[in-house]
Amino acid sequence: FGLTGEANFLQQYRHLEAFSGTSLPYYDHRPFTLARAGIFYNSKFINLVSAFSYARRSNDYSRLTVMSENTNENPVMVGASSGIKTMGWTTDAMIFPFKGFQLHLMFTLQSPKYTGYQFEAFGKQYDFSDKTVTKQSKILIEIDPSYTIGKFNIWASFRYFSKQYANVGNSVYFNGRWETFAGLNYKLNKYLTFNANVINFLNQTGAQGTIPGSELITDGSKYAGTLMAGNYIRPLTFEFGAKINF
């Protein structure tokens, strides 16, 4: 049993992409701060770490095209500076209940928020500070069992991502989703290993990403059921392979 902790500080200066686009480049450096503190416990049955984290980053700069809810107005490109801050708690455990079997469990609770996210468009000032960061879940869960017997290894992985917002105004979101994987490996000898994997064996559905132009949308229901481009969970897929070591 013991205590664990770390603190990191980093300053990143602008790269060449700061000079792209139509607006003036943003020269200020970007400071990153990360601090983590928690406890750990190790035994022959379990290895456990539980820790709280704090992270903050400022002086981000992005260019985005925004659309007015008034269909008579044309889209405009704006530049916006912002930051991100979050508090989080993660518990990570590796459990060994009996010979050959191990179970990895991880639970994360976090709340990533924007700071200072402001810009002007269509004659109005918009402020999205304290809105949840897009493409980020507040709850993350991993469940990874694995069993080895002789030359065979059987494993599975269940990963849960809670609701993710698709725009900075938090009016449009993707529902939470499970992603599932499983596989069987057979090690013939030190040179050759065969494997068979199944992706999305529970045949789940889900998506993630952002919706360009939706930043100022206050009623997200108009996007419900709309077919869009994005990142989607792979369908039920079987894969077979062999790994050769020289």
C-alpha atoms as a PDB file:
ATOM      1  CA  PHE A   1       0.000   0.000   0.000  1.00  0.00           C
ATOM      2  CA  GLY A   2       1.235   3.500  -0.738  1.00  0.00           C
ATOM      3  CA  LEU A   3       0.675   6.946  -2.162  1.00  0.00           C
ATOM      4  CA  THR A   4       1.301   8.080  -5.725  1.00  0.00           C
ATOM      5  CA  GLY A   5       1.429  11.506  -7.339  1.00  0.00           C
ATOM      6  CA  GLU A   6       2.935  13.589 -10.088  1.00  0.00           C
ATOM      7  CA  ALA A   7       2.894  17.138 -11.429  1.00  0.00           C
ATOM      8  CA  ASN A   8       3.766  18.303 -14.936  1.00  0.00           C
ATOM      9  CA  PHE A   9       4.014  21.713 -16.557  1.00  0.00           C
ATOM     10  CA  LEU A  10       4.676  22.339 -20.229  1.00  0.00           C
ATOM     11  CA  GLN A  11       4.695  25.411 -22.477  1.00  0.00           C
ATOM     12  CA  GLN A  12       4.140  24.907 -26.171  1.00  0.00           C
ATOM     13  CA  TYR A  13       4.956  27.652 -28.632  1.00  0.00           C
ATOM     14  CA  ARG A  14       3.240  28.213 -31.961  1.00  0.00           C
ATOM     15  CA  HIS A  15       3.874  26.016 -34.965  1.00  0.00           C
ATOM     16  CA  LEU A  16       3.519  26.942 -38.628  1.00  0.00           C
ATOM     17  CA  GLU A  17      -0.202  26.159 -38.658  1.00  0.00           C
ATOM     18  CA  ALA A  18      -0.721  29.371 -36.667  1.00  0.00           C
ATOM     19  CA  PHE A  19      -0.149  31.232 -39.945  1.00  0.00           C
ATOM     20  CA  SER A  20      -2.781  29.342 -41.948  1.00  0.00           C
ATOM     21  CA  GLY A  21      -6.267  30.655 -42.581  1.00  0.00           C
ATOM     22  CA  THR A  22      -7.624  34.116 -43.167  1.00  0.00           C
ATOM     23  CA  SER A  23      -7.380  35.582 -39.653  1.00  0.00           C
ATOM     24  CA  LEU A  24      -4.253  36.949 -37.971  1.00  0.00           C
ATOM     25  CA  PRO A  25      -1.996  34.326 -36.343  1.00  0.00           C
ATOM     26  CA  TYR A  26      -2.292  33.782 -32.596  1.00  0.00           C
ATOM     27  CA  TYR A  27       1.178  34.108 -31.083  1.00  0.00           C
ATOM     28  CA  ASP A  28       0.669  33.412 -27.371  1.00  0.00           C
ATOM     29  CA  HIS A  29       2.224  30.231 -25.978  1.00  0.00           C
ATOM     30  CA  ARG A  30       0.036  27.403 -24.672  1.00  0.00           C
ATOM     31  CA  PRO A  31       0.668  26.353 -21.053  1.00  0.00           C
ATOM     32  CA  PHE A  32      -0.301  22.831 -19.943  1.00  0.00           C
ATOM     33  CA  THR A  33      -0.685  21.855 -16.287  1.00  0.00           C
ATOM     34  CA  LEU A  34      -1.348  18.334 -15.003  1.00  0.00           C
ATOM     35  CA  ALA A  35      -1.419  17.133 -11.394  1.00  0.00           C
ATOM     36  CA  ARG A  36      -2.372  13.698 -10.098  1.00  0.00           C
ATOM     37  CA  ALA A  37      -2.528  12.200  -6.599  1.00  0.00           C
ATOM     38  CA  GLY A  38      -3.898   8.917  -5.293  1.00  0.00           C
ATOM     39  CA  ILE A  39      -3.281   5.592  -3.603  1.00  0.00           C
ATOM     40  CA  PHE A  40      -2.159   2.149  -4.735  1.00  0.00           C
ATOM     41  CA  TYR A  41      -2.378  -1.343  -3.306  1.00  0.00           C
ATOM     42  CA  ASN A  42      -0.601  -4.459  -4.583  1.00  0.00           C
ATOM     43  CA  SER A  43      -1.025  -8.098  -3.593  1.00  0.00           C
ATOM     44  CA  LYS A  44      -0.895 -11.463  -5.349  1.00  0.00           C
ATOM     45  CA  PHE A  45      -4.645 -11.168  -5.994  1.00  0.00           C
ATOM     46  CA  ILE A  46      -4.999  -7.533  -7.054  1.00  0.00           C
ATOM     47  CA  ASN A  47      -3.050  -4.491  -8.227  1.00  0.00           C
ATOM     48  CA  LEU A  48      -5.099  -1.350  -7.616  1.00  0.00           C
ATOM     49  CA  VAL A  49      -4.560   2.367  -8.308  1.00  0.00           C
ATOM     50  CA  SER A  50      -7.131   5.063  -7.538  1.00  0.00           C
ATOM     51  CA  ALA A  51      -6.251   8.686  -8.229  1.00  0.00           C
ATOM     52  CA  PHE A  52      -7.679  12.162  -8.703  1.00  0.00           C
ATOM     53  CA  SER A  53      -6.384  14.313 -11.557  1.00  0.00           C
ATOM     54  CA  TYR A  54      -6.499  17.984 -12.474  1.00  0.00           C
ATOM     55  CA  ALA A  55      -5.588  19.222 -15.945  1.00  0.00           C
ATOM     56  CA  ARG A  56      -5.694  22.665 -17.519  1.00  0.00           C
ATOM     57  CA  ARG A  57      -4.642  24.055 -20.899  1.00  0.00           C
ATOM     58  CA  SER A  58      -5.095  27.603 -22.145  1.00  0.00           C
ATOM     59  CA  ASN A  59      -4.534  29.746 -25.235  1.00  0.00           C
ATOM     60  CA  ASP A  60      -5.914  27.211 -27.698  1.00  0.00           C
ATOM     61  CA  TYR A  61      -6.869  28.837 -30.981  1.00  0.00           C
ATOM     62  CA  SER A  62      -9.193  27.514 -33.659  1.00  0.00           C
ATOM     63  CA  ARG A  63     -10.849  28.743 -36.838  1.00  0.00           C
ATOM     64  CA  LEU A  64     -14.351  27.553 -37.490  1.00  0.00           C
ATOM     65  CA  THR A  65     -17.160  28.219 -39.905  1.00  0.00           C
ATOM     66  CA  VAL A  66     -20.416  29.037 -38.117  1.00  0.00           C
ATOM     67  CA  MET A  67     -23.956  29.137 -39.456  1.00  0.00           C
ATOM     68  CA  SER A  68     -26.727  31.364 -38.220  1.00  0.00           C
ATOM     69  CA  GLU A  69     -30.119  29.952 -37.280  1.00  0.00           C
ATOM     70  CA  ASN A  70     -31.425  32.603 -39.671  1.00  0.00           C
ATOM     71  CA  THR A  71     -31.288  30.795 -43.026  1.00  0.00           C
ATOM     72  CA  ASN A  72     -31.022  34.141 -44.859  1.00  0.00           C
ATOM     73  CA  GLU A  73     -27.510  34.763 -43.486  1.00  0.00           C
ATOM     74  CA  ASN A  74     -24.437  33.201 -45.080  1.00  0.00           C
ATOM     75  CA  PRO A  75     -21.942  31.145 -43.036  1.00  0.00           C
ATOM     76  CA  VAL A  76     -18.928  33.067 -41.720  1.00  0.00           C
ATOM     77  CA  MET A  77     -15.459  32.018 -40.556  1.00  0.00           C
ATOM     78  CA  VAL A  78     -14.396  33.165 -37.098  1.00  0.00           C
ATOM     79  CA  GLY A  79     -11.301  32.739 -34.953  1.00  0.00           C
ATOM     80  CA  ALA A  80     -11.747  31.737 -31.315  1.00  0.00           C
ATOM     81  CA  SER A  81      -9.298  31.350 -28.444  1.00  0.00           C
ATOM     82  CA  SER A  82     -10.138  29.059 -25.566  1.00  0.00           C
ATOM     83  CA  GLY A  83      -8.840  26.683 -22.942  1.00  0.00           C
ATOM     84  CA  ILE A  84      -9.772  23.382 -21.329  1.00  0.00           C
ATOM     85  CA  LYS A  85      -9.879  22.333 -17.691  1.00  0.00           C
ATOM     86  CA  THR A  86     -10.991  19.126 -16.036  1.00  0.00           C
ATOM     87  CA  MET A  87     -11.143  17.279 -12.755  1.00  0.00           C
ATOM     88  CA  GLY A  88     -11.205  13.507 -12.902  1.00  0.00           C
ATOM     89  CA  TRP A  89     -11.126  10.353 -10.805  1.00  0.00           C
ATOM     90  CA  THR A  90      -9.820   7.054 -12.173  1.00  0.00           C
ATOM     91  CA  THR A  91      -9.668   3.647 -10.514  1.00  0.00           C
ATOM     92  CA  ASP A  92      -7.665   0.974 -12.308  1.00  0.00           C
ATOM     93  CA  ALA A  93      -7.492  -2.626 -11.069  1.00  0.00           C
ATOM     94  CA  MET A  94      -5.849  -5.827 -12.283  1.00  0.00           C
ATOM     95  CA  ILE A  95      -7.375  -8.854 -10.550  1.00  0.00           C
ATOM     96  CA  PHE A  96      -5.916 -12.403 -10.492  1.00  0.00           C
ATOM     97  CA  PRO A  97      -8.627 -14.645  -8.943  1.00  0.00           C
ATOM     98  CA  PHE A  98      -7.068 -17.958 -10.042  1.00  0.00           C
ATOM     99  CA  LYS A  99      -4.192 -19.292 -12.123  1.00  0.00           C
ATOM    100  CA  GLY A 100      -4.315 -18.319 -15.796  1.00  0.00           C
ATOM    101  CA  PHE A 101      -7.136 -15.803 -15.423  1.00  0.00           C
ATOM    102  CA  GLN A 102      -6.825 -12.040 -15.095  1.00  0.00           C
ATOM    103  CA  LEU A 103      -9.419  -9.287 -15.137  1.00  0.00           C
ATOM    104  CA  HIS A 104      -8.649  -5.648 -15.881  1.00  0.00           C
ATOM    105  CA  LEU A 105     -11.200  -3.081 -14.687  1.00  0.00           C
ATOM    106  CA  MET A 106     -11.041   0.684 -15.121  1.00  0.00           C
ATOM    107  CA  PHE A 107     -13.533   3.392 -14.248  1.00  0.00           C
ATOM    108  CA  THR A 108     -13.101   7.102 -15.004  1.00  0.00           C
ATOM    109  CA  LEU A 109     -15.347   9.983 -14.004  1.00  0.00           C
ATOM    110  CA  GLN A 110     -14.378  13.361 -15.464  1.00  0.00           C
ATOM    111  CA  SER A 111     -15.811  16.736 -16.399  1.00  0.00           C
ATOM    112  CA  PRO A 112     -13.826  18.450 -19.187  1.00  0.00           C
ATOM    113  CA  LYS A 113     -14.987  22.063 -19.646  1.00  0.00           C
ATOM    114  CA  TYR A 114     -14.092  24.918 -21.982  1.00  0.00           C
ATOM    115  CA  THR A 115     -12.647  28.115 -20.506  1.00  0.00           C
ATOM    116  CA  GLY A 116     -12.746  31.514 -22.177  1.00  0.00           C
ATOM    117  CA  TYR A 117     -14.388  30.195 -25.356  1.00  0.00           C
ATOM    118  CA  GLN A 118     -15.743  33.386 -26.915  1.00  0.00           C
ATOM    119  CA  PHE A 119     -16.154  34.841 -30.385  1.00  0.00           C
ATOM    120  CA  GLU A 120     -18.320  37.319 -32.293  1.00  0.00           C
ATOM    121  CA  ALA A 121     -20.509  36.375 -35.257  1.00  0.00           C
ATOM    122  CA  PHE A 122     -23.552  37.870 -36.961  1.00  0.00           C
ATOM    123  CA  GLY A 123     -23.306  40.970 -34.778  1.00  0.00           C
ATOM    124  CA  LYS A 124     -23.526  39.006 -31.506  1.00  0.00           C
ATOM    125  CA  GLN A 125     -21.045  37.934 -28.851  1.00  0.00           C
ATOM    126  CA  TYR A 126     -21.104  34.215 -28.040  1.00  0.00           C
ATOM    127  CA  ASP A 127     -19.649  32.673 -24.883  1.00  0.00           C
ATOM    128  CA  PHE A 128     -19.306  28.886 -24.518  1.00  0.00           C
ATOM    129  CA  SER A 129     -17.223  28.889 -21.332  1.00  0.00           C
ATOM    130  CA  ASP A 130     -18.085  26.043 -18.933  1.00  0.00           C
ATOM    131  CA  LYS A 131     -19.602  23.992 -21.760  1.00  0.00           C
ATOM    132  CA  THR A 132     -18.513  20.346 -21.934  1.00  0.00           C
ATOM    133  CA  VAL A 133     -15.677  19.698 -24.407  1.00  0.00           C
ATOM    134  CA  THR A 134     -16.820  18.045 -27.631  1.00  0.00           C
ATOM    135  CA  LYS A 135     -16.017  14.377 -28.345  1.00  0.00           C
ATOM    136  CA  GLN A 136     -15.310  13.731 -24.643  1.00  0.00           C
ATOM    137  CA  SER A 137     -17.287  11.425 -22.348  1.00  0.00           C
ATOM    138  CA  LYS A 138     -17.831  12.083 -18.662  1.00  0.00           C
ATOM    139  CA  ILE A 139     -17.872   8.353 -17.850  1.00  0.00           C
ATOM    140  CA  LEU A 140     -15.438   5.763 -19.225  1.00  0.00           C
ATOM    141  CA  ILE A 141     -15.497   2.060 -18.341  1.00  0.00           C
ATOM    142  CA  GLU A 142     -13.203  -0.787 -19.402  1.00  0.00           C
ATOM    143  CA  ILE A 143     -13.714  -4.477 -18.628  1.00  0.00           C
ATOM    144  CA  ASP A 144     -11.013  -6.790 -20.011  1.00  0.00           C
ATOM    145  CA  PRO A 145     -11.043 -10.480 -18.987  1.00  0.00           C
ATOM    146  CA  SER A 146      -8.321 -12.831 -20.216  1.00  0.00           C
ATOM    147  CA  TYR A 147      -7.648 -16.533 -19.649  1.00  0.00           C
ATOM    148  CA  THR A 148      -4.559 -18.516 -20.649  1.00  0.00           C
ATOM    149  CA  ILE A 149      -4.430 -22.314 -20.647  1.00  0.00           C
ATOM    150  CA  GLY A 150      -1.525 -24.112 -22.251  1.00  0.00           C
ATOM    151  CA  LYS A 151      -0.894 -22.598 -25.660  1.00  0.00           C
ATOM    152  CA  PHE A 152      -4.330 -20.927 -25.831  1.00  0.00           C
ATOM    153  CA  ASN A 153      -5.265 -17.418 -24.732  1.00  0.00           C
ATOM    154  CA  ILE A 154      -8.895 -16.264 -24.741  1.00  0.00           C
ATOM    155  CA  TRP A 155      -9.664 -12.605 -24.181  1.00  0.00           C
ATOM    156  CA  ALA A 156     -12.443 -10.046 -24.443  1.00  0.00           C
ATOM    157  CA  SER A 157     -12.755  -6.286 -24.057  1.00  0.00           C
ATOM    158  CA  PHE A 158     -15.807  -4.186 -23.208  1.00  0.00           C
ATOM    159  CA  ARG A 159     -15.442  -0.391 -23.403  1.00  0.00           C
ATOM    160  CA  TYR A 160     -18.143   2.111 -22.513  1.00  0.00           C
ATOM    161  CA  PHE A 161     -18.214   5.786 -23.539  1.00  0.00           C
ATOM    162  CA  SER A 162     -21.023   7.934 -22.152  1.00  0.00           C
ATOM    163  CA  LYS A 163     -22.794  10.704 -24.084  1.00  0.00           C
ATOM    164  CA  GLN A 164     -20.529  12.957 -26.174  1.00  0.00           C
ATOM    165  CA  TYR A 165     -21.419  16.440 -27.412  1.00  0.00           C
ATOM    166  CA  ALA A 166     -21.011  17.169 -31.119  1.00  0.00           C
ATOM    167  CA  ASN A 167     -20.938  20.990 -30.881  1.00  0.00           C
ATOM    168  CA  VAL A 168     -19.521  23.528 -28.449  1.00  0.00           C
ATOM    169  CA  GLY A 169     -23.012  24.764 -27.580  1.00  0.00           C
ATOM    170  CA  ASN A 170     -23.838  21.269 -26.222  1.00  0.00           C
ATOM    171  CA  SER A 171     -27.195  21.217 -28.033  1.00  0.00           C
ATOM    172  CA  VAL A 172     -26.278  18.267 -30.264  1.00  0.00           C
ATOM    173  CA  TYR A 173     -24.902  15.003 -28.902  1.00  0.00           C
ATOM    174  CA  PHE A 174     -24.253  11.350 -29.633  1.00  0.00           C
ATOM    175  CA  ASN A 175     -25.693   8.746 -27.273  1.00  0.00           C
ATOM    176  CA  GLY A 176     -23.416   6.633 -25.102  1.00  0.00           C
ATOM    177  CA  ARG A 177     -22.096   3.426 -26.635  1.00  0.00           C
ATOM    178  CA  TRP A 178     -20.390   0.124 -25.884  1.00  0.00           C
ATOM    179  CA  GLU A 179     -17.524  -1.153 -28.012  1.00  0.00           C
ATOM    180  CA  THR A 180     -16.816  -4.883 -27.748  1.00  0.00           C
ATOM    181  CA  PHE A 181     -13.940  -7.080 -28.884  1.00  0.00           C
ATOM    182  CA  ALA A 182     -12.917 -10.712 -28.329  1.00  0.00           C
ATOM    183  CA  GLY A 183     -10.287 -13.090 -29.566  1.00  0.00           C
ATOM    184  CA  LEU A 184      -8.531 -16.437 -29.365  1.00  0.00           C
ATOM    185  CA  ASN A 185      -4.763 -16.858 -29.766  1.00  0.00           C
ATOM    186  CA  TYR A 186      -2.890 -20.127 -30.218  1.00  0.00           C
ATOM    187  CA  LYS A 187       0.892 -20.103 -29.850  1.00  0.00           C
ATOM    188  CA  LEU A 188       2.133 -23.058 -31.877  1.00  0.00           C
ATOM    189  CA  ASN A 189       5.763 -22.379 -30.988  1.00  0.00           C
ATOM    190  CA  LYS A 190       8.069 -19.440 -30.379  1.00  0.00           C
ATOM    191  CA  TYR A 191       8.008 -18.638 -34.100  1.00  0.00           C
ATOM    192  CA  LEU A 192       4.321 -18.899 -35.027  1.00  0.00           C
ATOM    193  CA  THR A 193       1.092 -17.692 -33.380  1.00  0.00           C
ATOM    194  CA  PHE A 194      -2.404 -17.945 -34.868  1.00  0.00           C
ATOM    195  CA  ASN A 195      -5.246 -15.609 -33.877  1.00  0.00           C
ATOM    196  CA  ALA A 196      -8.969 -15.203 -34.482  1.00  0.00           C
ATOM    197  CA  ASN A 197     -10.645 -11.944 -33.459  1.00  0.00           C
ATOM    198  CA  VAL A 198     -14.233 -10.731 -33.377  1.00  0.00           C
ATOM    199  CA  ILE A 199     -15.007  -6.997 -33.492  1.00  0.00           C
ATOM    200  CA  ASN A 200     -18.332  -5.707 -32.162  1.00  0.00           C
ATOM    201  CA  PHE A 201     -19.559  -9.189 -31.253  1.00  0.00           C
ATOM    202  CA  LEU A 202     -22.604  -7.652 -29.506  1.00  0.00           C
ATOM    203  CA  ASN A 203     -23.437  -5.800 -32.758  1.00  0.00           C
ATOM    204  CA  GLN A 204     -23.664  -2.407 -31.052  1.00  0.00           C
ATOM    205  CA  THR A 205     -24.228   0.899 -32.883  1.00  0.00           C
ATOM    206  CA  GLY A 206     -22.797   4.323 -32.158  1.00  0.00           C
ATOM    207  CA  ALA A 207     -20.934   7.339 -33.486  1.00  0.00           C
ATOM    208  CA  GLN A 208     -18.597  10.110 -32.403  1.00  0.00           C
ATOM    209  CA  GLY A 209     -17.221  13.363 -33.797  1.00  0.00           C
ATOM    210  CA  THR A 210     -18.440  16.912 -34.371  1.00  0.00           C
ATOM    211  CA  ILE A 211     -21.003  18.511 -36.678  1.00  0.00           C
ATOM    212  CA  PRO A 212     -19.423  21.440 -38.565  1.00  0.00           C
ATOM    213  CA  GLY A 213     -21.516  24.582 -38.600  1.00  0.00           C
ATOM    214  CA  SER A 214     -23.686  23.561 -35.634  1.00  0.00           C
ATOM    215  CA  GLU A 215     -21.969  25.719 -32.994  1.00  0.00           C
ATOM    216  CA  LEU A 216     -24.810  28.260 -32.799  1.00  0.00           C
ATOM    217  CA  ILE A 217     -27.660  25.756 -33.039  1.00  0.00           C
ATOM    218  CA  THR A 218     -29.838  25.853 -29.926  1.00  0.00           C
ATOM    219  CA  ASP A 219     -32.339  23.195 -30.998  1.00  0.00           C
ATOM    220  CA  GLY A 220     -30.491  19.971 -31.745  1.00  0.00           C
ATOM    221  CA  SER A 221     -33.637  17.980 -32.522  1.00  0.00           C
ATOM    222  CA  LYS A 222     -33.396  18.951 -36.214  1.00  0.00           C
ATOM    223  CA  TYR A 223     -30.363  16.653 -36.510  1.00  0.00           C
ATOM    224  CA  ALA A 224     -32.110  13.615 -34.994  1.00  0.00           C
ATOM    225  CA  GLY A 225     -32.276  10.770 -37.504  1.00  0.00           C
ATOM    226  CA  THR A 226     -30.186  12.688 -40.059  1.00  0.00           C
ATOM    227  CA  LEU A 227     -27.639  10.694 -42.068  1.00  0.00           C
ATOM    228  CA  MET A 228     -24.198  12.278 -41.697  1.00  0.00           C
ATOM    229  CA  ALA A 229     -20.510  11.584 -42.296  1.00  0.00           C
ATOM    230  CA  GLY A 230     -18.499  10.745 -39.185  1.00  0.00           C
ATOM    231  CA  ASN A 231     -16.746   8.037 -37.179  1.00  0.00           C
ATOM    232  CA  TYR A 232     -18.909   5.007 -36.540  1.00  0.00           C
ATOM    233  CA  ILE A 233     -18.495   1.691 -34.739  1.00  0.00           C
ATOM    234  CA  ARG A 234     -17.373  -1.081 -37.065  1.00  0.00           C
ATOM    235  CA  PRO A 235     -20.042  -3.708 -37.778  1.00  0.00           C
ATOM    236  CA  LEU A 236     -19.720  -7.301 -36.637  1.00  0.00           C
ATOM    237  CA  THR A 237     -16.382  -8.392 -38.116  1.00  0.00           C
ATOM    238  CA  PHE A 238     -14.339 -11.616 -37.980  1.00  0.00           C
ATOM    239  CA  GLU A 239     -10.583 -11.482 -38.511  1.00  0.00           C
ATOM    240  CA  PHE A 240      -8.088 -14.333 -38.815  1.00  0.00           C
ATOM    241  CA  GLY A 241      -4.338 -13.971 -38.862  1.00  0.00           C
ATOM    242  CA  ALA A 242      -0.925 -15.401 -38.113  1.00  0.00           C
ATOM    243  CA  LYS A 243       2.129 -13.796 -36.510  1.00  0.00           C
ATOM    244  CA  ILE A 244       5.592 -15.019 -37.457  1.00  0.00           C
ATOM    245  CA  ASN A 245       8.611 -14.192 -35.292  1.00  0.00           C
ATOM    246  CA  PHE A 246      12.161 -14.580 -36.595  1.00  0.00           C
END
